[in-house]
Amino acid sequence: MGKKNIQVLKFGGDFIYVILVYDIVADEEGAKVTRNIHKISKRYLYQVQKSVFEGNLSELNFQKLKHELDKYIRKDRDSLIIFISRDEKWLNKQFWGVEDDNTNNIF
């Protein structure tokens, strides 16, 4: 199976809206990896759920985030997905169950 590398962003100095989701395997090293991924994500984005973060980033901060996360994500076991949009207004969020107050910081 080939490695996919999709590059669709062109910033032009603007901010982009990012949703980051991660799933870390719970093995010997998993707790440490989870802590590091969580800490890095929280530095750049707002926490929406346990492993879901969102927010607006500049090109520089987006590149920093990716670089920092790349040090910890184990590409053979874990997964991390970043959804990117030019603007958060293009997304429609719907919640079922408990809605955390943190999600209100974005809108």
C-alpha atoms as a PDB file:
ATOM      1  CA  MET A   1       0.000   0.000   0.000  1.00  0.00           C
ATOM      2  CA  GLY A   2       1.493   3.332  -1.085  1.00  0.00           C
ATOM      3  CA  LYS A   3       1.937   6.351   1.114  1.00  0.00           C
ATOM      4  CA  LYS A   4      -0.489   9.181   0.353  1.00  0.00           C
ATOM      5  CA  ASN A   5       0.749  12.723   0.627  1.00  0.00           C
ATOM      6  CA  ILE A   6      -1.968  15.259  -0.123  1.00  0.00           C
ATOM      7  CA  GLN A   7      -1.035  18.929  -0.194  1.00  0.00           C
ATOM      8  CA  VAL A   8      -3.951  21.235  -1.011  1.00  0.00           C
ATOM      9  CA  LEU A   9      -3.218  24.342   1.030  1.00  0.00           C
ATOM     10  CA  LYS A  10      -2.277  27.758  -0.199  1.00  0.00           C
ATOM     11  CA  PHE A  11      -2.327  30.262   2.651  1.00  0.00           C
ATOM     12  CA  GLY A  12      -1.372  33.635   1.263  1.00  0.00           C
ATOM     13  CA  GLY A  13      -0.919  34.923   4.831  1.00  0.00           C
ATOM     14  CA  ASP A  14      -4.469  34.037   5.917  1.00  0.00           C
ATOM     15  CA  PHE A  15      -5.569  31.795   8.738  1.00  0.00           C
ATOM     16  CA  ILE A  16      -7.068  28.379   8.147  1.00  0.00           C
ATOM     17  CA  TYR A  17      -9.578  26.525  10.297  1.00  0.00           C
ATOM     18  CA  VAL A  18      -8.318  23.149  11.511  1.00  0.00           C
ATOM     19  CA  ILE A  19      -9.970  20.157  13.158  1.00  0.00           C
ATOM     20  CA  LEU A  20      -7.452  17.676  14.549  1.00  0.00           C
ATOM     21  CA  VAL A  21      -8.462  14.159  15.618  1.00  0.00           C
ATOM     22  CA  TYR A  22      -6.128  11.512  16.980  1.00  0.00           C
ATOM     23  CA  ASP A  23      -6.333   7.864  17.983  1.00  0.00           C
ATOM     24  CA  ILE A  24      -3.354   6.425  19.866  1.00  0.00           C
ATOM     25  CA  VAL A  25      -2.908   2.683  20.466  1.00  0.00           C
ATOM     26  CA  ALA A  26      -3.033   1.858  24.191  1.00  0.00           C
ATOM     27  CA  ASP A  27       0.187  -0.130  24.479  1.00  0.00           C
ATOM     28  CA  GLU A  28       3.321   0.332  26.647  1.00  0.00           C
ATOM     29  CA  GLU A  29       4.275   3.640  25.069  1.00  0.00           C
ATOM     30  CA  GLY A  30       0.731   4.768  24.252  1.00  0.00           C
ATOM     31  CA  ALA A  31       0.118   6.792  27.418  1.00  0.00           C
ATOM     32  CA  LYS A  32       3.293   8.836  26.894  1.00  0.00           C
ATOM     33  CA  VAL A  33       2.476   9.394  23.220  1.00  0.00           C
ATOM     34  CA  THR A  34      -1.090  10.451  24.105  1.00  0.00           C
ATOM     35  CA  ARG A  35       0.166  12.940  26.713  1.00  0.00           C
ATOM     36  CA  ASN A  36       2.593  14.508  24.235  1.00  0.00           C
ATOM     37  CA  ILE A  37       0.105  14.692  21.361  1.00  0.00           C
ATOM     38  CA  HIS A  38      -2.518  16.151  23.726  1.00  0.00           C
ATOM     39  CA  LYS A  39      -0.119  18.743  25.156  1.00  0.00           C
ATOM     40  CA  ILE A  40       1.050  19.894  21.716  1.00  0.00           C
ATOM     41  CA  SER A  41      -2.488  20.046  20.305  1.00  0.00           C
ATOM     42  CA  LYS A  42      -3.694  22.069  23.308  1.00  0.00           C
ATOM     43  CA  ARG A  43      -0.909  24.607  22.740  1.00  0.00           C
ATOM     44  CA  TYR A  44      -2.231  25.475  19.281  1.00  0.00           C
ATOM     45  CA  LEU A  45      -5.954  24.593  19.312  1.00  0.00           C
ATOM     46  CA  TYR A  46      -9.043  24.420  21.542  1.00  0.00           C
ATOM     47  CA  GLN A  47      -9.991  21.036  22.951  1.00  0.00           C
ATOM     48  CA  VAL A  48     -13.486  19.976  21.850  1.00  0.00           C
ATOM     49  CA  GLN A  49     -13.507  16.366  23.042  1.00  0.00           C
ATOM     50  CA  LYS A  50     -10.912  14.047  24.563  1.00  0.00           C
ATOM     51  CA  SER A  51      -8.967  13.614  21.335  1.00  0.00           C
ATOM     52  CA  VAL A  52     -10.510  16.312  19.143  1.00  0.00           C
ATOM     53  CA  PHE A  53      -9.176  19.859  18.791  1.00  0.00           C
ATOM     54  CA  GLU A  54     -10.128  22.799  16.575  1.00  0.00           C
ATOM     55  CA  GLY A  55      -9.113  26.363  15.871  1.00  0.00           C
ATOM     56  CA  ASN A  56      -7.678  28.910  13.469  1.00  0.00           C
ATOM     57  CA  LEU A  57      -3.973  28.746  12.634  1.00  0.00           C
ATOM     58  CA  SER A  58      -1.552  30.832  10.633  1.00  0.00           C
ATOM     59  CA  GLU A  59       0.680  29.085   8.092  1.00  0.00           C
ATOM     60  CA  LEU A  60       3.626  29.292  10.488  1.00  0.00           C
ATOM     61  CA  ASN A  61       1.719  27.799  13.429  1.00  0.00           C
ATOM     62  CA  PHE A  62       0.214  25.081  11.232  1.00  0.00           C
ATOM     63  CA  GLN A  63       3.701  24.047  10.093  1.00  0.00           C
ATOM     64  CA  LYS A  64       4.990  24.150  13.700  1.00  0.00           C
ATOM     65  CA  LEU A  65       2.072  22.009  14.882  1.00  0.00           C
ATOM     66  CA  LYS A  66       2.686  19.385  12.187  1.00  0.00           C
ATOM     67  CA  HIS A  67       6.425  19.339  12.912  1.00  0.00           C
ATOM     68  CA  GLU A  68       5.924  18.908  16.670  1.00  0.00           C
ATOM     69  CA  LEU A  69       3.287  16.187  16.259  1.00  0.00           C
ATOM     70  CA  ASP A  70       5.456  14.311  13.777  1.00  0.00           C
ATOM     71  CA  LYS A  71       8.025  13.681  16.540  1.00  0.00           C
ATOM     72  CA  TYR A  72       5.552  11.621  18.573  1.00  0.00           C
ATOM     73  CA  ILE A  73       2.974  10.004  16.296  1.00  0.00           C
ATOM     74  CA  ARG A  74       3.882   6.368  15.597  1.00  0.00           C
ATOM     75  CA  LYS A  75       2.955   5.997  11.963  1.00  0.00           C
ATOM     76  CA  ASP A  76       2.813   2.206  12.165  1.00  0.00           C
ATOM     77  CA  ARG A  77       0.250   2.156  15.028  1.00  0.00           C
ATOM     78  CA  ASP A  78      -1.435   5.486  15.653  1.00  0.00           C
ATOM     79  CA  SER A  79      -3.546   7.780  13.511  1.00  0.00           C
ATOM     80  CA  LEU A  80      -3.915  11.528  13.409  1.00  0.00           C
ATOM     81  CA  ILE A  81      -6.241  13.295  10.991  1.00  0.00           C
ATOM     82  CA  ILE A  82      -6.267  17.022  10.292  1.00  0.00           C
ATOM     83  CA  PHE A  83      -9.318  18.441   8.527  1.00  0.00           C
ATOM     84  CA  ILE A  84      -8.616  21.809   6.935  1.00  0.00           C
ATOM     85  CA  SER A  85     -10.999  24.515   5.799  1.00  0.00           C
ATOM     86  CA  ARG A  86     -10.396  28.065   4.680  1.00  0.00           C
ATOM     87  CA  ASP A  87     -12.915  29.301   7.240  1.00  0.00           C
ATOM     88  CA  GLU A  88     -14.930  27.796  10.110  1.00  0.00           C
ATOM     89  CA  LYS A  89     -18.127  29.389   8.770  1.00  0.00           C
ATOM     90  CA  TRP A  90     -18.214  26.697   6.057  1.00  0.00           C
ATOM     91  CA  LEU A  91     -18.835  24.005   8.681  1.00  0.00           C
ATOM     92  CA  ASN A  92     -22.119  23.108  10.298  1.00  0.00           C
ATOM     93  CA  LYS A  93     -21.675  21.442  13.702  1.00  0.00           C
ATOM     94  CA  GLN A  94     -24.334  19.265  15.231  1.00  0.00           C
ATOM     95  CA  PHE A  95     -24.018  17.772  18.715  1.00  0.00           C
ATOM     96  CA  TRP A  96     -25.675  14.746  20.259  1.00  0.00           C
ATOM     97  CA  GLY A  97     -25.322  14.144  23.955  1.00  0.00           C
ATOM     98  CA  VAL A  98     -23.225  16.363  26.204  1.00  0.00           C
ATOM     99  CA  GLU A  99     -21.968  19.542  24.597  1.00  0.00           C
ATOM    100  CA  ASP A 100     -18.791  20.787  26.268  1.00  0.00           C
ATOM    101  CA  ASP A 101     -18.528  24.536  26.958  1.00  0.00           C
ATOM    102  CA  ASN A 102     -15.141  24.538  25.187  1.00  0.00           C
ATOM    103  CA  THR A 103     -16.880  24.331  21.825  1.00  0.00           C
ATOM    104  CA  ASN A 104     -18.490  27.703  22.430  1.00  0.00           C
ATOM    105  CA  ASN A 105     -15.058  29.404  22.438  1.00  0.00           C
ATOM    106  CA  ILE A 106     -14.793  28.984  18.690  1.00  0.00           C
ATOM    107  CA  PHE A 107     -18.129  30.385  17.536  1.00  0.00           C
END
